[in-house]
Amino acid sequence: MIIERGIQVDHSTIMRWVHQYSPEIEKKIRRHLRPTNDSWRVDETYIKVKGKWKYFYRAVDSNGNTIDFMLSAKRNQNKSLSKKYFASDEL
């Protein structure tokens, strides 16, 4: 949107905005997110994205709700990487 209006902004300025305003945005949207329980698992499948095959990892709670997802060009042989990626306080 900024480029469409003819305003030049450096990428570092945008990154500063992200760091400054993302905590505020997170606080406001947190109450609108679906709550999840403590039981979850990671599904893995192979899908085609823009003509290239990718590995699709999806964290799912016991009710079948998607908690988070990740696309990867290479298969994660070590399952601890996907567990590390999906590990957070919200899960």
Protein backbone atom coordinates (compact mmCIF):
# COMPACT_ATOMS: atom_id res chain seq x y z
CA MET A 1 0.00 0.00 0.00
CA ILE A 2 2.83 2.36 0.78
CA ILE A 3 4.49 1.89 -2.62
CA GLU A 4 1.13 2.44 -4.37
CA ARG A 5 0.97 5.86 -2.72
CA GLY A 6 4.49 6.77 -3.82
CA ILE A 7 6.04 6.68 -0.35
CA GLN A 8 9.48 5.10 -0.05
CA VAL A 9 10.09 3.22 3.19
CA ASP A 10 13.17 1.17 4.05
CA HIS A 11 12.71 -2.46 5.06
CA SER A 12 14.29 -1.77 8.45
CA THR A 13 11.58 0.82 9.18
CA ILE A 14 8.88 -1.75 8.47
CA MET A 15 10.66 -4.24 10.75
CA ARG A 16 10.73 -1.66 13.54
CA TRP A 17 6.96 -1.16 13.07
CA VAL A 18 6.44 -4.92 13.30
CA HIS A 19 8.43 -5.13 16.54
CA GLN A 20 6.68 -2.10 18.00
CA TYR A 21 3.06 -2.85 17.10
CA SER A 22 2.86 -6.66 17.04
CA PRO A 23 2.51 -6.98 20.86
CA GLU A 24 -0.44 -4.56 20.79
CA ILE A 25 -2.10 -6.41 17.92
CA GLU A 26 -1.51 -9.75 19.65
CA LYS A 27 -3.21 -8.52 22.84
CA LYS A 28 -6.27 -7.35 20.89
CA ILE A 29 -6.74 -10.51 18.80
CA ARG A 30 -5.92 -13.04 21.55
CA ARG A 31 -9.48 -12.91 22.96
CA HIS A 32 -10.95 -13.70 19.52
CA LEU A 33 -8.89 -16.86 18.98
CA ARG A 34 -10.40 -20.27 19.65
CA PRO A 35 -9.19 -21.83 22.89
CA THR A 36 -7.36 -25.15 22.62
CA ASN A 37 -6.81 -27.91 25.10
CA ASP A 38 -3.49 -29.43 26.23
CA SER A 39 -3.74 -32.53 24.02
CA TRP A 40 -2.34 -32.07 20.52
CA ARG A 41 -0.41 -33.91 17.78
CA VAL A 42 1.44 -33.09 14.54
CA ASP A 43 0.22 -34.39 11.18
CA GLU A 44 2.58 -34.56 8.21
CA THR A 45 1.62 -34.77 4.53
CA TYR A 46 3.15 -34.05 1.11
CA ILE A 47 1.39 -31.40 -1.01
CA LYS A 48 2.06 -29.50 -4.24
CA VAL A 49 2.44 -25.72 -3.86
CA LYS A 50 2.93 -23.64 -7.03
CA GLY A 51 4.07 -26.76 -8.90
CA LYS A 52 6.63 -27.87 -6.30
CA TRP A 53 6.19 -30.59 -3.69
CA LYS A 54 6.37 -29.43 -0.07
CA TYR A 55 5.98 -31.11 3.30
CA PHE A 56 3.01 -29.76 5.24
CA TYR A 57 3.10 -30.10 9.03
CA ARG A 58 -0.05 -29.27 10.97
CA ALA A 59 -0.50 -29.12 14.75
CA VAL A 60 -4.00 -30.36 15.65
CA ASP A 61 -5.69 -30.50 19.04
CA SER A 62 -7.80 -33.44 20.23
CA ASN A 63 -10.96 -31.78 18.83
CA GLY A 64 -9.44 -31.64 15.33
CA ASN A 65 -8.89 -27.87 15.33
CA THR A 66 -5.74 -26.64 13.57
CA ILE A 67 -3.48 -24.85 16.04
CA ASP A 68 -0.59 -24.01 13.73
CA PHE A 69 1.03 -25.19 10.49
CA MET A 70 4.38 -25.18 8.71
CA LEU A 71 5.51 -25.75 5.10
CA SER A 72 8.96 -27.17 4.46
CA ALA A 73 10.90 -27.92 1.27
CA LYS A 74 12.70 -30.85 2.93
CA ARG A 75 11.26 -33.62 5.03
CA ASN A 76 11.98 -33.27 8.69
CA GLN A 77 13.75 -36.54 9.55
CA ASN A 78 14.14 -35.43 13.15
CA LYS A 79 10.68 -35.02 14.69
CA SER A 80 12.07 -32.79 17.44
CA LEU A 81 12.35 -29.90 14.94
CA SER A 82 8.62 -29.87 14.26
CA LYS A 83 7.91 -30.23 17.97
CA LYS A 84 10.27 -27.32 18.65
CA TYR A 85 8.56 -25.22 15.96
CA PHE A 86 5.10 -25.87 17.35
CA ALA A 87 6.14 -25.65 21.00
CA SER A 88 4.81 -22.53 22.65
CA ASP A 89 2.81 -21.46 25.68
CA GLU A 90 -0.46 -21.45 23.75
CA LEU A 91 -0.33 -25.18 22.91
